Amino acid sequence: MGISKKFKKTKDKLKPMERVLLTFKGKEADRVPVCSIVAGCARLITGISFREFSTKADLSASALIAANQLVGDDIIFPFVDLSVEAADFGQKIVYPENTTAYPDYENLLIKTVNDYERLEVFDPTNSPRMSNYIEMTRILVKRCSRDYPVVSFVYGPLGVLGMMCGAESLYQDILEYPDKVKVALEIITEVLKKYTKAATLE
């Protein structure tokens, strides 16, 4: 049984960069731009481990490019996992063989409400995981930005804090100790401001 003409693949008229820029300008393109959140699945294409995908800039960049070529996305979205920022604040991270990295929930960095105020501002360009992500983004921009937009990902302050104390504890502390939680959020925000600027290669 043949494929209906309606669903036959047609050759795109525009390049991904052209398509995305037209869409950003509110103009009509040949089709809607596509951006998948491939994340750790990309590692399967090049045969690297989840730990390598999360911590080795050159390997993760190559995996994301391979995934883009396979799927045919219009945008390269360099997302590795949600523990990047928390790891550099000092949260211990677990790197399983067959799933994405995650915080060690048996050894959370913030164990009591007093720990919120112990977080410190640091330079994300000199920290292990964030600097690795920045380097991965640089590699992707160098290799792909002529043809594809590269869109960085930065986890928000509440998300990062939740990685260090657990979502349930965080929500409870927001209600009972909002001032202490705010101190931590302000510290995280200062780091993320620097990180965002570096990750956008400004």
Protein backbone atom coordinates (compact mmCIF):
# COMPACT_ATOMS: atom_id res chain seq x y z
CA MET A 1 0.00 0.00 0.00
CA GLY A 2 1.50 3.32 -1.06
CA ILE A 3 1.98 6.38 1.11
CA SER A 4 -0.60 9.10 0.61
CA LYS A 5 0.73 12.11 -1.27
CA LYS A 6 -0.45 14.20 1.65
CA PHE A 7 2.15 12.57 3.91
CA LYS A 8 5.04 12.26 1.47
CA LYS A 9 8.11 14.16 2.57
CA THR A 10 8.71 17.28 0.54
CA LYS A 11 12.03 19.03 0.15
CA ASP A 12 12.35 22.02 2.45
CA LYS A 13 12.64 25.36 0.69
CA LEU A 14 14.52 27.10 3.49
CA LYS A 15 17.55 26.28 5.59
CA PRO A 16 16.96 25.85 9.34
CA MET A 17 18.52 29.22 10.23
CA GLU A 18 16.41 31.02 7.63
CA ARG A 19 13.24 29.27 8.83
CA VAL A 20 13.83 30.10 12.48
CA LEU A 21 14.75 33.75 11.84
CA LEU A 22 11.62 34.28 9.74
CA THR A 23 9.51 32.77 12.51
CA PHE A 24 11.16 35.00 15.16
CA LYS A 25 10.30 38.01 12.99
CA GLY A 26 6.65 36.93 12.85
CA LYS A 27 6.83 36.10 9.16
CA GLU A 28 5.62 32.96 7.43
CA ALA A 29 8.18 30.27 6.67
CA ASP A 30 7.86 27.17 4.51
CA ARG A 31 6.93 25.17 7.65
CA VAL A 32 6.93 25.43 11.43
CA PRO A 33 10.46 25.12 12.90
CA VAL A 34 11.10 21.97 14.94
CA CYS A 35 13.17 21.61 18.12
CA SER A 36 13.33 18.32 20.00
CA ILE A 37 14.57 17.86 23.56
CA VAL A 38 16.83 14.94 22.69
CA ALA A 39 18.93 15.21 25.87
CA GLY A 40 20.63 11.98 26.96
CA CYS A 41 19.13 9.97 24.11
CA ALA A 42 21.73 11.62 21.90
CA ARG A 43 24.48 9.62 23.60
CA LEU A 44 23.11 6.40 22.10
CA ILE A 45 23.94 7.61 18.61
CA THR A 46 27.66 8.03 19.28
CA GLY A 47 27.95 5.30 21.93
CA ILE A 48 29.11 7.38 24.90
CA SER A 49 28.02 6.90 28.52
CA PHE A 50 25.58 9.13 30.38
CA ARG A 51 28.46 10.38 32.54
CA GLU A 52 30.49 11.30 29.45
CA PHE A 53 27.48 13.02 27.95
CA SER A 54 27.09 15.13 31.10
CA THR A 55 30.75 15.93 31.72
CA LYS A 56 32.72 15.84 28.44
CA ALA A 57 32.03 18.90 26.28
CA ASP A 58 33.48 17.57 23.05
CA LEU A 59 31.68 14.21 23.32
CA SER A 60 28.29 15.69 24.21
CA ALA A 61 28.56 18.27 21.42
CA SER A 62 29.28 15.54 18.86
CA ALA A 63 26.36 13.49 20.18
CA LEU A 64 23.95 16.42 19.93
CA ILE A 65 25.08 17.18 16.37
CA ALA A 66 24.60 13.52 15.41
CA ALA A 67 21.12 13.59 16.92
CA ASN A 68 20.27 16.72 14.99
CA GLN A 69 21.37 15.11 11.75
CA LEU A 70 19.28 12.03 12.50
CA VAL A 71 16.10 13.81 13.61
CA GLY A 72 16.32 16.84 11.34
CA ASP A 73 15.63 19.58 13.90
CA ASP A 74 15.85 23.24 12.97
CA ILE A 75 17.38 24.23 16.30
CA ILE A 76 20.21 22.67 18.31
CA PHE A 77 19.16 22.57 21.94
CA PRO A 78 22.17 21.68 24.15
CA PHE A 79 20.44 20.15 27.15
CA VAL A 80 22.30 17.48 29.13
CA ASP A 81 20.56 17.10 32.50
CA LEU A 82 19.04 19.13 35.35
CA SER A 83 21.89 18.69 37.81
CA VAL A 84 24.52 20.91 36.13
CA GLU A 85 24.10 24.01 38.27
CA ALA A 86 23.43 22.19 41.56
CA ALA A 87 26.59 20.12 41.13
CA ASP A 88 28.76 23.22 41.10
CA PHE A 89 27.14 24.54 44.27
CA GLY A 90 28.43 21.36 45.91
CA GLN A 91 25.55 18.92 45.53
CA LYS A 92 26.76 15.34 45.14
CA ILE A 93 25.56 13.89 41.83
CA VAL A 94 24.89 10.28 40.88
CA TYR A 95 25.92 9.22 37.36
CA PRO A 96 24.12 5.95 36.56
CA GLU A 97 25.15 3.78 33.64
CA ASN A 98 21.80 3.76 31.89
CA THR A 99 19.94 6.89 32.93
CA THR A 100 20.53 10.60 33.28
CA ALA A 101 22.52 12.14 36.14
CA TYR A 102 20.61 13.18 39.26
CA PRO A 103 21.29 14.49 42.79
CA ASP A 104 22.15 12.01 45.51
CA TYR A 105 18.87 12.27 47.41
CA GLU A 106 20.41 10.38 50.33
CA ASN A 107 23.01 13.13 50.70
CA LEU A 108 21.39 16.45 49.85
CA LEU A 109 23.47 19.60 50.25
CA ILE A 110 20.72 21.47 52.10
CA LYS A 111 19.66 19.34 55.04
CA THR A 112 18.30 22.01 57.40
CA VAL A 113 16.80 25.46 56.97
CA ASN A 114 20.06 27.02 58.16
CA ASP A 115 21.88 25.53 55.16
CA TYR A 116 20.06 27.88 52.78
CA GLU A 117 22.22 30.74 54.01
CA ARG A 118 25.46 28.77 53.60
CA LEU A 119 25.43 28.83 49.80
CA GLU A 120 28.08 31.09 48.26
CA VAL A 121 28.40 33.03 45.02
CA PHE A 122 31.11 31.67 42.70
CA ASP A 123 32.36 32.11 39.16
CA PRO A 124 30.55 29.56 36.95
CA THR A 125 33.18 29.89 34.22
CA ASN A 126 35.67 28.24 36.60
CA SER A 127 33.37 25.58 38.04
CA PRO A 128 33.40 21.98 36.71
CA ARG A 129 29.95 21.34 35.27
CA MET A 130 28.92 24.84 34.22
CA SER A 131 32.24 25.58 32.53
CA ASN A 132 31.89 22.25 30.71
CA TYR A 133 28.44 23.27 29.49
CA ILE A 134 29.77 26.64 28.32
CA GLU A 135 32.55 24.87 26.41
CA MET A 136 30.04 22.48 24.83
CA THR A 137 27.97 25.45 23.70
CA ARG A 138 31.07 27.08 22.20
CA ILE A 139 31.83 23.92 20.25
CA LEU A 140 28.27 23.74 18.93
CA VAL A 141 28.28 27.40 17.91
CA LYS A 142 31.64 27.02 16.17
CA ARG A 143 30.54 23.93 14.26
CA CYS A 144 26.88 24.66 13.57
CA SER A 145 25.84 28.29 14.01
CA ARG A 146 26.09 29.15 10.31
CA ASP A 147 23.23 26.76 9.61
CA TYR A 148 21.44 26.23 12.94
CA PRO A 149 20.51 28.44 15.91
CA VAL A 150 22.05 27.09 19.13
CA VAL A 151 19.75 27.73 22.10
CA SER A 152 21.31 27.37 25.56
CA PHE A 153 19.49 26.00 28.61
CA VAL A 154 19.85 27.38 32.13
CA TYR A 155 17.82 25.90 34.99
CA GLY A 156 15.96 28.53 37.02
CA PRO A 157 16.77 29.38 40.66
CA LEU A 158 13.90 27.41 42.20
CA GLY A 159 14.73 24.37 40.09
CA VAL A 160 18.39 24.51 41.07
CA LEU A 161 17.49 24.90 44.75
CA GLY A 162 15.11 21.94 44.51
CA MET A 163 18.00 19.82 43.26
CA MET A 164 19.85 20.55 46.51
CA CYS A 165 17.10 20.07 49.09
CA GLY A 166 14.34 18.08 47.42
CA ALA A 167 11.09 19.53 46.06
CA GLU A 168 8.92 18.55 49.01
CA SER A 169 11.23 20.17 51.58
CA LEU A 170 11.61 23.27 49.43
CA TYR A 171 7.86 23.83 49.11
CA GLN A 172 7.40 23.38 52.85
CA ASP A 173 10.26 25.75 53.67
CA ILE A 174 8.89 28.38 51.29
CA LEU A 175 5.79 28.48 53.49
CA GLU A 176 7.52 28.23 56.86
CA TYR A 177 10.90 29.93 56.32
CA PRO A 178 10.50 32.20 53.27
CA ASP A 179 13.28 34.60 54.31
CA LYS A 180 15.87 31.83 54.50
CA VAL A 181 14.80 30.42 51.13
CA LYS A 182 15.03 33.90 49.60
CA VAL A 183 18.65 34.21 50.72
CA ALA A 184 19.52 31.02 48.83
CA LEU A 185 17.56 32.11 45.76
CA GLU A 186 19.37 35.46 45.66
CA ILE A 187 22.76 33.70 45.79
CA ILE A 188 21.75 31.22 43.08
CA THR A 189 20.39 34.04 40.92
CA GLU A 190 23.70 35.92 41.07
CA VAL A 191 25.56 32.83 39.86
CA LEU A 192 22.99 32.12 37.15
CA LYS A 193 23.24 35.68 35.85
CA LYS A 194 26.96 35.16 35.25
CA TYR A 195 26.34 31.68 33.87
CA THR A 196 23.66 32.85 31.45
CA LYS A 197 25.89 35.59 30.11
CA ALA A 198 28.75 33.13 29.61
CA ALA A 199 26.52 30.45 28.08
CA THR A 200 25.18 32.93 25.51
CA LEU A 201 28.84 33.66 24.65
CA GLU A 202 28.60 37.39 25.32
